[in-house]
Amino acid sequence: MTVVEQLRDEVVAAKSTRRDNVVNWQLNVNERRGKDDGAVADSNRSMVPMDWTITKAKSAQLFSQMPQVRLLPRHAQYRDAVPVFATIVNDLLTHANVEAVMNEAVVDCVNAAGVGAAIVRYEALTEAVEVPAIDMATLSPEAHRAVMQGEVEVPMVPAERVTDRRFCVDRVSPDALLVPDGFRLSNWNKSPWLGYTGREPWARAKRLLNLDD
């Protein structure tokens, strides 16, 4: 069995386990909504069910607002750069809307599934350009002058230049999360793989996953 075949079998098993868990997770969500009986109409539900109150209180205890990142330098030569880097990190956390994702993931943990997940992505738009095949900064002043005056032609090679970029942080719903069947450790960094299922427009999927037609 190849690695791809083994991974495909593990994903199928993970989907089967997830399908069984979703039934129980939905019961937890219904309890919070005050609809513990499928026959209960929305108009007859309790306005403030006990699970809703407990869930909101516990979620607020675990995470209420996005904290500010504060960094300390490990090496003296980086002391001046650390505050600048901390400011950039805090700005990126705000732009990526991490606070909303954390609030959603905490509720997933407390109420629905006992687990929450998020995915962090870096996305960039690029354009094809021609760049010198050599580093112009390494040329001597005489060679650089000759290039600028057109006396020497520098070979060009195709390259991609980033025109726009962003960091994205998105919640992964527990009913979309894929975990190897049988993985029982609390440190998910030790999982052989993690994944999730979802849908994307074809044009976006091609760009994100580097697919061809």
N, C-alpha and C. Protein backbone atom coordinates (compact mmCIF):
# COMPACT_ATOMS: atom_id res chain seq x y z
N MET A 1 0.85 -1.20 0.00
CA MET A 1 0.00 0.00 0.00
C MET A 1 0.88 1.25 0.00
N THR A 2 0.61 2.15 -0.90
CA THR A 2 1.39 3.38 -0.97
C THR A 2 0.97 4.34 0.14
N VAL A 3 1.78 5.39 0.33
CA VAL A 3 1.47 6.39 1.35
C VAL A 3 0.16 7.09 1.03
N VAL A 4 -0.05 7.37 -0.24
CA VAL A 4 -1.29 8.04 -0.64
C VAL A 4 -2.50 7.17 -0.36
N GLU A 5 -2.40 5.88 -0.67
CA GLU A 5 -3.51 4.96 -0.41
C GLU A 5 -3.79 4.84 1.09
N GLN A 6 -2.72 4.77 1.89
CA GLN A 6 -2.90 4.68 3.33
C GLN A 6 -3.57 5.93 3.88
N LEU A 7 -3.11 7.11 3.41
CA LEU A 7 -3.71 8.36 3.86
C LEU A 7 -5.17 8.45 3.46
N ARG A 8 -5.50 7.98 2.24
CA ARG A 8 -6.88 8.00 1.79
C ARG A 8 -7.76 7.13 2.69
N ASP A 9 -7.25 5.95 3.07
CA ASP A 9 -8.02 5.06 3.96
C ASP A 9 -8.21 5.71 5.34
N GLU A 10 -7.17 6.39 5.83
CA GLU A 10 -7.28 7.04 7.14
C GLU A 10 -8.29 8.19 7.10
N VAL A 11 -8.33 8.91 6.01
CA VAL A 11 -9.30 10.00 5.88
C VAL A 11 -10.72 9.45 5.86
N VAL A 12 -10.94 8.34 5.16
CA VAL A 12 -12.26 7.72 5.14
C VAL A 12 -12.69 7.30 6.55
N ALA A 13 -11.76 6.70 7.30
CA ALA A 13 -12.07 6.30 8.67
C ALA A 13 -12.35 7.51 9.55
N ALA A 14 -11.60 8.59 9.36
CA ALA A 14 -11.81 9.80 10.15
C ALA A 14 -13.17 10.41 9.85
N LYS A 15 -13.59 10.38 8.60
CA LYS A 15 -14.90 10.91 8.23
C LYS A 15 -16.02 10.09 8.88
N SER A 16 -15.83 8.77 8.95
CA SER A 16 -16.84 7.91 9.55
C SER A 16 -16.98 8.21 11.04
N THR A 17 -15.84 8.36 11.74
CA THR A 17 -15.89 8.69 13.17
C THR A 17 -16.50 10.07 13.39
N ARG A 18 -16.14 11.01 12.54
CA ARG A 18 -16.70 12.35 12.66
C ARG A 18 -18.21 12.34 12.46
N ARG A 19 -18.68 11.54 11.53
CA ARG A 19 -20.12 11.45 11.26
C ARG A 19 -20.87 10.95 12.49
N ASP A 20 -20.29 10.01 13.22
CA ASP A 20 -20.92 9.50 14.44
C ASP A 20 -20.90 10.56 15.54
N ASN A 21 -19.81 11.32 15.62
CA ASN A 21 -19.70 12.33 16.68
C ASN A 21 -20.65 13.50 16.46
N VAL A 22 -20.89 13.85 15.21
CA VAL A 22 -21.73 15.01 14.91
C VAL A 22 -23.12 14.85 15.51
N VAL A 23 -23.63 13.62 15.56
CA VAL A 23 -24.96 13.38 16.13
C VAL A 23 -25.00 13.83 17.59
N ASN A 24 -23.99 13.46 18.37
CA ASN A 24 -23.94 13.85 19.78
C ASN A 24 -23.66 15.35 19.93
N TRP A 25 -22.81 15.89 19.04
CA TRP A 25 -22.53 17.32 19.11
C TRP A 25 -23.79 18.14 18.87
N GLN A 26 -24.63 17.68 17.96
CA GLN A 26 -25.86 18.41 17.68
C GLN A 26 -26.79 18.40 18.89
N LEU A 27 -26.78 17.30 19.65
CA LEU A 27 -27.58 17.26 20.88
C LEU A 27 -27.11 18.33 21.86
N ASN A 28 -25.80 18.51 21.98
CA ASN A 28 -25.27 19.54 22.87
C ASN A 28 -25.71 20.93 22.43
N VAL A 29 -25.67 21.17 21.13
CA VAL A 29 -26.08 22.47 20.60
C VAL A 29 -27.57 22.70 20.86
N ASN A 30 -28.37 21.66 20.66
CA ASN A 30 -29.81 21.79 20.89
C ASN A 30 -30.12 22.10 22.36
N GLU A 31 -29.36 21.51 23.27
CA GLU A 31 -29.55 21.80 24.69
C GLU A 31 -29.32 23.29 24.96
N ARG A 32 -28.26 23.83 24.36
CA ARG A 32 -27.99 25.26 24.56
C ARG A 32 -29.08 26.12 23.93
N ARG A 33 -29.66 25.66 22.85
CA ARG A 33 -30.74 26.41 22.19
C ARG A 33 -32.08 26.22 22.89
N GLY A 34 -32.11 25.38 23.92
CA GLY A 34 -33.36 25.13 24.61
C GLY A 34 -34.31 24.27 23.81
N LYS A 35 -33.76 23.46 22.93
CA LYS A 35 -34.59 22.59 22.08
C LYS A 35 -34.06 21.18 22.20
N ASP A 36 -34.22 20.58 23.38
CA ASP A 36 -33.69 19.25 23.63
C ASP A 36 -34.57 18.16 23.05
N ASP A 37 -35.73 18.51 22.57
CA ASP A 37 -36.65 17.56 21.96
C ASP A 37 -36.92 18.00 20.53
N GLY A 38 -36.71 17.11 19.59
CA GLY A 38 -36.90 17.46 18.19
C GLY A 38 -38.32 17.87 17.88
N ALA A 39 -39.26 17.48 18.72
CA ALA A 39 -40.66 17.82 18.46
C ALA A 39 -41.03 19.20 18.96
N VAL A 40 -40.14 19.81 19.72
CA VAL A 40 -40.43 21.13 20.28
C VAL A 40 -40.31 22.18 19.19
N ALA A 41 -41.33 22.98 19.02
CA ALA A 41 -41.29 24.03 18.02
C ALA A 41 -40.45 25.19 18.51
N ASP A 42 -39.92 26.00 17.59
CA ASP A 42 -39.11 27.14 17.97
C ASP A 42 -39.87 28.10 18.87
N SER A 43 -41.18 28.25 18.62
CA SER A 43 -41.97 29.21 19.39
C SER A 43 -42.17 28.77 20.84
N ASN A 44 -41.99 27.47 21.12
CA ASN A 44 -42.21 26.94 22.47
C ASN A 44 -40.92 26.75 23.26
N ARG A 45 -39.80 27.16 22.70
CA ARG A 45 -38.54 26.94 23.39
C ARG A 45 -38.38 27.88 24.58
N SER A 46 -37.62 27.42 25.56
CA SER A 46 -37.27 28.28 26.69
C SER A 46 -36.45 29.46 26.18
N MET A 47 -36.76 30.65 26.64
CA MET A 47 -36.07 31.83 26.14
C MET A 47 -34.60 31.86 26.58
N VAL A 48 -34.31 31.46 27.83
CA VAL A 48 -32.94 31.45 28.33
C VAL A 48 -32.68 30.09 28.97
N PRO A 49 -32.35 29.08 28.18
CA PRO A 49 -32.08 27.76 28.74
C PRO A 49 -30.82 27.77 29.61
N MET A 50 -30.76 26.85 30.55
CA MET A 50 -29.65 26.80 31.49
C MET A 50 -28.31 26.61 30.77
N ASP A 51 -28.28 25.74 29.73
CA ASP A 51 -27.03 25.49 29.03
C ASP A 51 -26.50 26.76 28.37
N TRP A 52 -27.41 27.61 27.89
CA TRP A 52 -26.97 28.86 27.25
C TRP A 52 -26.24 29.74 28.26
N THR A 53 -26.82 29.86 29.45
CA THR A 53 -26.22 30.70 30.49
C THR A 53 -24.86 30.15 30.92
N ILE A 54 -24.78 28.85 31.13
CA ILE A 54 -23.53 28.23 31.57
C ILE A 54 -22.47 28.36 30.48
N THR A 55 -22.86 28.13 29.23
CA THR A 55 -21.92 28.21 28.11
C THR A 55 -21.36 29.62 27.97
N LYS A 56 -22.22 30.63 28.04
CA LYS A 56 -21.77 32.01 27.91
C LYS A 56 -20.81 32.38 29.04
N ALA A 57 -21.14 31.96 30.26
CA ALA A 57 -20.28 32.30 31.40
C ALA A 57 -18.91 31.63 31.28
N LYS A 58 -18.90 30.35 30.93
CA LYS A 58 -17.64 29.63 30.82
C LYS A 58 -16.80 30.17 29.66
N SER A 59 -17.43 30.49 28.54
CA SER A 59 -16.70 31.03 27.39
C SER A 59 -16.05 32.36 27.74
N ALA A 60 -16.77 33.20 28.48
CA ALA A 60 -16.22 34.49 28.88
C ALA A 60 -15.04 34.31 29.84
N GLN A 61 -15.08 33.29 30.67
CA GLN A 61 -13.97 33.03 31.59
C GLN A 61 -12.72 32.60 30.82
N LEU A 62 -12.89 31.85 29.76
CA LEU A 62 -11.76 31.34 29.01
C LEU A 62 -11.18 32.38 28.05
N PHE A 63 -12.07 33.16 27.43
CA PHE A 63 -11.59 34.17 26.47
C PHE A 63 -12.64 35.26 26.36
N SER A 64 -12.24 36.50 26.69
CA SER A 64 -13.18 37.61 26.62
C SER A 64 -12.75 38.66 25.61
N GLN A 65 -11.46 38.91 25.49
CA GLN A 65 -10.96 39.87 24.51
C GLN A 65 -9.54 39.50 24.12
N MET A 66 -9.16 39.97 22.95
CA MET A 66 -7.84 39.64 22.42
C MET A 66 -6.75 40.34 23.23
N PRO A 67 -5.85 39.59 23.86
CA PRO A 67 -4.78 40.23 24.64
C PRO A 67 -3.72 40.82 23.72
N GLN A 68 -2.95 41.76 24.23
CA GLN A 68 -1.85 42.35 23.49
C GLN A 68 -0.60 41.48 23.66
N VAL A 69 0.08 41.23 22.57
CA VAL A 69 1.33 40.48 22.62
C VAL A 69 2.44 41.38 23.14
N ARG A 70 3.13 40.91 24.15
CA ARG A 70 4.27 41.64 24.71
C ARG A 70 5.49 40.73 24.66
N LEU A 71 6.55 41.21 24.05
CA LEU A 71 7.73 40.39 23.81
C LEU A 71 8.93 40.91 24.60
N LEU A 72 9.79 39.99 24.98
CA LEU A 72 11.05 40.32 25.63
C LEU A 72 12.19 39.78 24.78
N PRO A 73 13.24 40.56 24.58
CA PRO A 73 14.36 40.10 23.75
C PRO A 73 15.19 39.04 24.46
N ARG A 74 15.56 38.01 23.73
CA ARG A 74 16.47 37.00 24.27
C ARG A 74 17.93 37.40 24.09
N HIS A 75 18.18 38.27 23.12
CA HIS A 75 19.55 38.70 22.85
C HIS A 75 19.58 40.22 22.82
N ALA A 76 20.60 40.80 23.41
CA ALA A 76 20.68 42.25 23.56
C ALA A 76 20.68 42.97 22.22
N GLN A 77 21.28 42.35 21.18
CA GLN A 77 21.38 43.05 19.90
C GLN A 77 20.02 43.22 19.21
N TYR A 78 18.99 42.49 19.69
CA TYR A 78 17.67 42.60 19.08
C TYR A 78 16.72 43.45 19.94
N ARG A 79 17.24 44.10 20.97
CA ARG A 79 16.38 44.82 21.91
C ARG A 79 15.55 45.91 21.22
N ASP A 80 16.16 46.66 20.30
CA ASP A 80 15.45 47.75 19.63
C ASP A 80 14.40 47.24 18.64
N ALA A 81 14.61 46.05 18.10
CA ALA A 81 13.69 45.53 17.09
C ALA A 81 12.46 44.86 17.69
N VAL A 82 12.56 44.39 18.93
CA VAL A 82 11.46 43.63 19.54
C VAL A 82 10.17 44.44 19.67
N PRO A 83 10.19 45.70 20.16
CA PRO A 83 8.93 46.46 20.23
C PRO A 83 8.29 46.67 18.87
N VAL A 84 9.11 46.88 17.84
CA VAL A 84 8.57 47.06 16.49
C VAL A 84 7.89 45.78 16.02
N PHE A 85 8.54 44.65 16.27
CA PHE A 85 7.98 43.37 15.86
C PHE A 85 6.68 43.07 16.61
N ALA A 86 6.63 43.42 17.91
CA ALA A 86 5.42 43.19 18.69
C ALA A 86 4.26 44.02 18.15
N THR A 87 4.54 45.25 17.74
CA THR A 87 3.49 46.10 17.15
C THR A 87 2.96 45.49 15.86
N ILE A 88 3.84 44.97 15.03
CA ILE A 88 3.42 44.34 13.78
C ILE A 88 2.55 43.12 14.05
N VAL A 89 2.97 42.29 15.02
CA VAL A 89 2.19 41.09 15.36
C VAL A 89 0.80 41.47 15.85
N ASN A 90 0.69 42.46 16.72
CA ASN A 90 -0.61 42.88 17.23
C ASN A 90 -1.50 43.43 16.13
N ASP A 91 -0.90 44.17 15.20
CA ASP A 91 -1.68 44.69 14.07
C ASP A 91 -2.19 43.56 13.19
N LEU A 92 -1.35 42.57 12.95
CA LEU A 92 -1.75 41.43 12.12
C LEU A 92 -2.86 40.63 12.79
N LEU A 93 -2.77 40.46 14.12
CA LEU A 93 -3.82 39.74 14.84
C LEU A 93 -5.17 40.44 14.70
N THR A 94 -5.14 41.77 14.69
CA THR A 94 -6.37 42.54 14.52
C THR A 94 -6.90 42.42 13.11
N HIS A 95 -6.03 42.60 12.12
CA HIS A 95 -6.46 42.53 10.72
C HIS A 95 -6.97 41.13 10.35
N ALA A 96 -6.39 40.10 10.95
CA ALA A 96 -6.80 38.73 10.64
C ALA A 96 -8.05 38.31 11.39
N ASN A 97 -8.55 39.19 12.28
CA ASN A 97 -9.80 38.94 13.01
C ASN A 97 -9.69 37.71 13.92
N VAL A 98 -8.54 37.60 14.59
CA VAL A 98 -8.30 36.45 15.45
C VAL A 98 -9.28 36.42 16.62
N GLU A 99 -9.69 37.58 17.12
CA GLU A 99 -10.57 37.62 18.28
C GLU A 99 -11.89 36.91 17.99
N ALA A 100 -12.48 37.17 16.82
CA ALA A 100 -13.75 36.51 16.47
C ALA A 100 -13.57 35.00 16.35
N VAL A 101 -12.45 34.58 15.75
CA VAL A 101 -12.20 33.14 15.59
C VAL A 101 -12.03 32.48 16.95
N MET A 102 -11.33 33.13 17.88
CA MET A 102 -11.15 32.57 19.21
C MET A 102 -12.48 32.44 19.93
N ASN A 103 -13.33 33.45 19.83
CA ASN A 103 -14.64 33.39 20.47
C ASN A 103 -15.45 32.20 19.94
N GLU A 104 -15.40 31.98 18.64
CA GLU A 104 -16.15 30.87 18.04
C GLU A 104 -15.57 29.52 18.45
N ALA A 105 -14.23 29.43 18.47
CA ALA A 105 -13.58 28.16 18.80
C ALA A 105 -13.82 27.79 20.27
N VAL A 106 -13.84 28.80 21.15
CA VAL A 106 -14.09 28.53 22.57
C VAL A 106 -15.48 27.95 22.77
N VAL A 107 -16.48 28.50 22.07
CA VAL A 107 -17.84 27.97 22.18
C VAL A 107 -17.90 26.54 21.65
N ASP A 108 -17.17 26.25 20.58
CA ASP A 108 -17.11 24.87 20.08
C ASP A 108 -16.59 23.93 21.16
N CYS A 109 -15.56 24.40 21.88
CA CYS A 109 -14.97 23.56 22.93
C CYS A 109 -15.92 23.38 24.11
N VAL A 110 -16.52 24.47 24.55
CA VAL A 110 -17.33 24.44 25.77
C VAL A 110 -18.67 23.75 25.55
N ASN A 111 -19.31 24.04 24.42
CA ASN A 111 -20.68 23.57 24.25
C ASN A 111 -20.81 22.39 23.31
N ALA A 112 -20.32 22.50 22.13
CA ALA A 112 -20.68 21.53 21.09
C ALA A 112 -19.87 20.25 21.15
N ALA A 113 -18.56 20.38 20.91
CA ALA A 113 -17.78 19.19 20.59
C ALA A 113 -16.63 18.91 21.55
N GLY A 114 -16.31 19.85 22.45
CA GLY A 114 -15.15 19.65 23.30
C GLY A 114 -13.84 19.86 22.58
N VAL A 115 -13.92 20.40 21.38
CA VAL A 115 -12.72 20.66 20.60
C VAL A 115 -13.00 21.85 19.69
N GLY A 116 -11.98 22.67 19.48
CA GLY A 116 -12.09 23.80 18.57
C GLY A 116 -10.88 23.85 17.68
N ALA A 117 -11.06 24.33 16.46
CA ALA A 117 -9.95 24.35 15.51
C ALA A 117 -10.01 25.62 14.67
N ALA A 118 -8.86 26.05 14.21
CA ALA A 118 -8.75 27.20 13.32
C ALA A 118 -7.59 26.94 12.36
N ILE A 119 -7.64 27.59 11.22
CA ILE A 119 -6.57 27.44 10.25
C ILE A 119 -5.98 28.81 9.97
N VAL A 120 -4.67 28.88 9.92
CA VAL A 120 -3.95 30.12 9.61
C VAL A 120 -3.34 29.97 8.22
N ARG A 121 -3.63 30.94 7.37
CA ARG A 121 -3.13 30.88 5.99
C ARG A 121 -2.41 32.18 5.63
N TYR A 122 -1.46 32.04 4.74
CA TYR A 122 -0.83 33.21 4.12
C TYR A 122 -1.22 33.20 2.65
N GLU A 123 -1.83 34.26 2.19
CA GLU A 123 -2.25 34.35 0.80
C GLU A 123 -1.54 35.51 0.13
N ALA A 124 -1.15 35.31 -1.11
CA ALA A 124 -0.44 36.36 -1.83
C ALA A 124 -0.88 36.37 -3.29
N LEU A 125 -0.98 37.56 -3.85
CA LEU A 125 -1.21 37.74 -5.28
C LEU A 125 0.11 38.11 -5.93
N THR A 126 0.43 37.48 -7.03
CA THR A 126 1.72 37.71 -7.68
C THR A 126 1.52 38.03 -9.15
N GLU A 127 2.54 38.59 -9.74
CA GLU A 127 2.56 38.85 -11.17
C GLU A 127 3.91 38.42 -11.73
N ALA A 128 3.92 38.02 -12.99
CA ALA A 128 5.15 37.57 -13.65
C ALA A 128 5.96 38.80 -14.10
N VAL A 129 7.23 38.82 -13.74
CA VAL A 129 8.12 39.92 -14.12
C VAL A 129 9.46 39.34 -14.56
N GLU A 130 10.26 40.18 -15.21
CA GLU A 130 11.61 39.82 -15.58
C GLU A 130 12.58 40.53 -14.64
N VAL A 131 13.50 39.76 -14.06
CA VAL A 131 14.47 40.33 -13.14
C VAL A 131 15.87 39.93 -13.59
N PRO A 132 16.89 40.72 -13.21
CA PRO A 132 18.27 40.37 -13.59
C PRO A 132 18.67 39.00 -13.03
N ALA A 133 19.42 38.26 -13.82
CA ALA A 133 19.86 36.93 -13.39
C ALA A 133 20.97 37.01 -12.35
N ILE A 134 21.56 38.19 -12.17
CA ILE A 134 22.61 38.37 -11.17
C ILE A 134 22.17 39.46 -10.20
N ASP A 135 22.76 39.44 -9.02
CA ASP A 135 22.46 40.46 -8.02
C ASP A 135 23.23 41.72 -8.37
N MET A 136 22.50 42.78 -8.72
CA MET A 136 23.16 44.01 -9.14
C MET A 136 24.00 44.61 -8.02
N ALA A 137 23.64 44.31 -6.77
CA ALA A 137 24.38 44.88 -5.65
C ALA A 137 25.79 44.32 -5.54
N THR A 138 26.04 43.18 -6.18
CA THR A 138 27.36 42.55 -6.10
C THR A 138 28.31 43.06 -7.18
N LEU A 139 27.82 43.87 -8.11
CA LEU A 139 28.67 44.37 -9.19
C LEU A 139 29.59 45.47 -8.69
N SER A 140 30.72 45.56 -9.31
CA SER A 140 31.65 46.65 -8.99
C SER A 140 31.08 47.96 -9.53
N PRO A 141 31.53 49.10 -9.02
CA PRO A 141 31.03 50.38 -9.55
C PRO A 141 31.21 50.52 -11.05
N GLU A 142 32.33 50.03 -11.59
CA GLU A 142 32.56 50.14 -13.03
C GLU A 142 31.56 49.28 -13.80
N ALA A 143 31.33 48.04 -13.33
CA ALA A 143 30.39 47.17 -14.02
C ALA A 143 28.97 47.71 -13.93
N HIS A 144 28.62 48.25 -12.76
CA HIS A 144 27.28 48.81 -12.59
C HIS A 144 27.08 50.01 -13.52
N ARG A 145 28.11 50.83 -13.66
CA ARG A 145 28.02 51.99 -14.55
C ARG A 145 27.86 51.53 -15.99
N ALA A 146 28.58 50.48 -16.36
CA ALA A 146 28.48 49.98 -17.73
C ALA A 146 27.08 49.44 -18.02
N VAL A 147 26.49 48.80 -17.03
CA VAL A 147 25.13 48.28 -17.21
C VAL A 147 24.14 49.43 -17.36
N MET A 148 24.27 50.43 -16.52
CA MET A 148 23.34 51.56 -16.56
C MET A 148 23.47 52.34 -17.86
N GLN A 149 24.66 52.40 -18.43
CA GLN A 149 24.87 53.12 -19.68
C GLN A 149 24.57 52.26 -20.91
N GLY A 150 24.18 51.01 -20.69
CA GLY A 150 23.82 50.15 -21.81
C GLY A 150 24.98 49.52 -22.52
N GLU A 151 26.18 49.64 -21.96
CA GLU A 151 27.35 49.04 -22.59
C GLU A 151 27.40 47.53 -22.37
N VAL A 152 26.81 47.07 -21.28
CA VAL A 152 26.77 45.64 -20.97
C VAL A 152 25.31 45.25 -20.74
N GLU A 153 24.89 44.16 -21.37
CA GLU A 153 23.52 43.70 -21.22
C GLU A 153 23.46 42.60 -20.15
N VAL A 154 22.58 42.79 -19.17
CA VAL A 154 22.43 41.82 -18.09
C VAL A 154 21.34 40.82 -18.48
N PRO A 155 21.64 39.52 -18.43
CA PRO A 155 20.59 38.53 -18.75
C PRO A 155 19.44 38.60 -17.76
N MET A 156 18.22 38.40 -18.25
CA MET A 156 17.02 38.46 -17.42
C MET A 156 16.41 37.07 -17.29
N VAL A 157 15.76 36.84 -16.17
CA VAL A 157 15.08 35.57 -15.93
C VAL A 157 13.66 35.87 -15.43
N PRO A 158 12.70 34.97 -15.71
CA PRO A 158 11.32 35.20 -15.22
C PRO A 158 11.23 34.95 -13.72
N ALA A 159 10.41 35.73 -13.05
CA ALA A 159 10.20 35.58 -11.61
C ALA A 159 8.80 36.09 -11.28
N GLU A 160 8.38 35.81 -10.06
CA GLU A 160 7.08 36.28 -9.59
C GLU A 160 7.29 37.35 -8.53
N ARG A 161 6.54 38.45 -8.66
CA ARG A 161 6.61 39.54 -7.70
C ARG A 161 5.28 39.63 -6.95
N VAL A 162 5.36 39.72 -5.63
CA VAL A 162 4.15 39.80 -4.80
C VAL A 162 3.56 41.20 -4.93
N THR A 163 2.29 41.28 -5.31
CA THR A 163 1.60 42.56 -5.43
C THR A 163 0.69 42.84 -4.25
N ASP A 164 0.24 41.80 -3.56
CA ASP A 164 -0.60 41.98 -2.38
C ASP A 164 -0.52 40.71 -1.55
N ARG A 165 -0.70 40.85 -0.24
CA ARG A 165 -0.58 39.69 0.64
C ARG A 165 -1.44 39.90 1.88
N ARG A 166 -1.79 38.80 2.53
CA ARG A 166 -2.54 38.89 3.78
C ARG A 166 -2.42 37.59 4.54
N PHE A 167 -2.61 37.68 5.87
CA PHE A 167 -2.70 36.51 6.73
C PHE A 167 -4.17 36.31 7.09
N CYS A 168 -4.66 35.09 6.94
CA CYS A 168 -6.06 34.78 7.22
C CYS A 168 -6.12 33.77 8.37
N VAL A 169 -7.03 34.00 9.29
CA VAL A 169 -7.30 33.06 10.38
C VAL A 169 -8.80 32.78 10.37
N ASP A 170 -9.17 31.54 10.14
CA ASP A 170 -10.58 31.17 10.01
C ASP A 170 -10.91 29.99 10.92
N ARG A 171 -12.10 30.02 11.49
CA ARG A 171 -12.58 28.91 12.30
C ARG A 171 -12.85 27.70 11.40
N VAL A 172 -12.51 26.55 11.92
CA VAL A 172 -12.87 25.28 11.28
C VAL A 172 -13.94 24.63 12.14
N SER A 173 -15.12 24.45 11.60
CA SER A 173 -16.21 23.84 12.36
C SER A 173 -15.83 22.41 12.75
N PRO A 174 -16.19 21.99 13.98
CA PRO A 174 -15.88 20.61 14.36
C PRO A 174 -16.46 19.57 13.41
N ASP A 175 -17.59 19.87 12.77
CA ASP A 175 -18.15 18.88 11.84
C ASP A 175 -17.45 18.90 10.49
N ALA A 176 -16.41 19.75 10.34
CA ALA A 176 -15.58 19.73 9.14
C ALA A 176 -14.17 19.24 9.43
N LEU A 177 -13.82 19.15 10.72
CA LEU A 177 -12.47 18.78 11.12
C LEU A 177 -12.22 17.29 10.88
N LEU A 178 -11.03 16.98 10.42
CA LEU A 178 -10.61 15.59 10.20
C LEU A 178 -9.40 15.29 11.07
N VAL A 179 -9.52 14.26 11.91
CA VAL A 179 -8.45 13.82 12.80
C VAL A 179 -8.26 12.32 12.60
N PRO A 180 -7.03 11.84 12.58
CA PRO A 180 -6.82 10.40 12.40
C PRO A 180 -7.62 9.57 13.40
N ASP A 181 -8.31 8.59 12.92
CA ASP A 181 -9.11 7.73 13.78
C ASP A 181 -8.17 6.97 14.74
N GLY A 182 -8.41 7.10 16.02
CA GLY A 182 -7.56 6.46 17.00
C GLY A 182 -6.56 7.39 17.65
N PHE A 183 -6.43 8.63 17.18
CA PHE A 183 -5.51 9.59 17.81
C PHE A 183 -6.11 10.04 19.13
N ARG A 184 -5.40 9.86 20.23
CA ARG A 184 -5.95 10.13 21.55
C ARG A 184 -5.09 11.08 22.39
N LEU A 185 -4.03 11.63 21.83
CA LEU A 185 -3.16 12.51 22.60
C LEU A 185 -3.78 13.89 22.74
N SER A 186 -3.39 14.61 23.79
CA SER A 186 -3.91 15.96 23.98
C SER A 186 -3.13 17.00 23.18
N ASN A 187 -1.89 16.69 22.80
CA ASN A 187 -1.08 17.59 21.99
C ASN A 187 -1.30 17.27 20.52
N TRP A 188 -2.08 18.10 19.86
CA TRP A 188 -2.43 17.80 18.46
C TRP A 188 -1.26 18.03 17.51
N ASN A 189 -0.21 18.71 17.98
CA ASN A 189 0.98 18.86 17.14
C ASN A 189 1.64 17.51 16.88
N LYS A 190 1.32 16.50 17.69
CA LYS A 190 1.90 15.18 17.50
C LYS A 190 1.06 14.30 16.59
N SER A 191 -0.07 14.82 16.11
CA SER A 191 -0.89 14.04 15.19
C SER A 191 -0.15 13.89 13.86
N PRO A 192 -0.20 12.70 13.25
CA PRO A 192 0.50 12.51 11.97
C PRO A 192 -0.04 13.42 10.87
N TRP A 193 -1.31 13.79 10.97
CA TRP A 193 -1.90 14.74 10.02
C TRP A 193 -3.20 15.30 10.59
N LEU A 194 -3.58 16.45 10.13
CA LEU A 194 -4.86 17.07 10.46
C LEU A 194 -5.43 17.65 9.17
N GLY A 195 -6.73 17.66 9.06
CA GLY A 195 -7.33 18.20 7.85
C GLY A 195 -8.75 18.67 8.11
N TYR A 196 -9.38 19.18 7.08
CA TYR A 196 -10.77 19.58 7.18
C TYR A 196 -11.39 19.55 5.78
N THR A 197 -12.69 19.36 5.76
CA THR A 197 -13.40 19.36 4.49
C THR A 197 -14.11 20.70 4.31
N GLY A 198 -14.28 21.08 3.08
CA GLY A 198 -14.94 22.35 2.80
C GLY A 198 -15.12 22.55 1.31
N ARG A 199 -15.68 23.68 0.96
CA ARG A 199 -15.94 24.02 -0.43
C ARG A 199 -15.35 25.39 -0.74
N GLU A 200 -14.85 25.54 -1.94
CA GLU A 200 -14.32 26.81 -2.40
C GLU A 200 -14.72 26.99 -3.87
N PRO A 201 -14.93 28.22 -4.33
CA PRO A 201 -15.10 28.44 -5.77
C PRO A 201 -13.88 27.93 -6.52
N TRP A 202 -14.11 27.39 -7.71
CA TRP A 202 -13.02 26.74 -8.45
C TRP A 202 -11.84 27.68 -8.67
N ALA A 203 -12.10 28.94 -9.01
CA ALA A 203 -11.00 29.87 -9.27
C ALA A 203 -10.16 30.08 -8.02
N ARG A 204 -10.81 30.18 -6.86
CA ARG A 204 -10.08 30.38 -5.60
C ARG A 204 -9.33 29.11 -5.21
N ALA A 205 -9.96 27.95 -5.41
CA ALA A 205 -9.30 26.69 -5.07
C ALA A 205 -8.04 26.49 -5.92
N LYS A 206 -8.11 26.86 -7.18
CA LYS A 206 -6.94 26.73 -8.06
C LYS A 206 -5.78 27.57 -7.52
N ARG A 207 -6.10 28.77 -7.07
CA ARG A 207 -5.03 29.66 -6.59
C ARG A 207 -4.49 29.20 -5.25
N LEU A 208 -5.37 28.81 -4.32
CA LEU A 208 -4.93 28.41 -2.98
C LEU A 208 -4.14 27.12 -3.00
N LEU A 209 -4.57 26.16 -3.82
CA LEU A 209 -3.96 24.82 -3.84
C LEU A 209 -3.01 24.61 -5.01
N ASN A 210 -2.82 25.67 -5.81
CA ASN A 210 -1.90 25.60 -6.95
C ASN A 210 -2.29 24.46 -7.89
N LEU A 211 -3.57 24.43 -8.28
CA LEU A 211 -4.08 23.39 -9.17
C LEU A 211 -4.07 23.85 -10.62
N ASP A 212 -3.98 22.90 -11.54
CA ASP A 212 -4.13 23.25 -12.95
C ASP A 212 -5.57 22.93 -13.38
N ASP A 213 -5.88 23.22 -14.62
CA ASP A 213 -7.26 23.03 -15.09
C ASP A 213 -7.68 21.56 -15.08
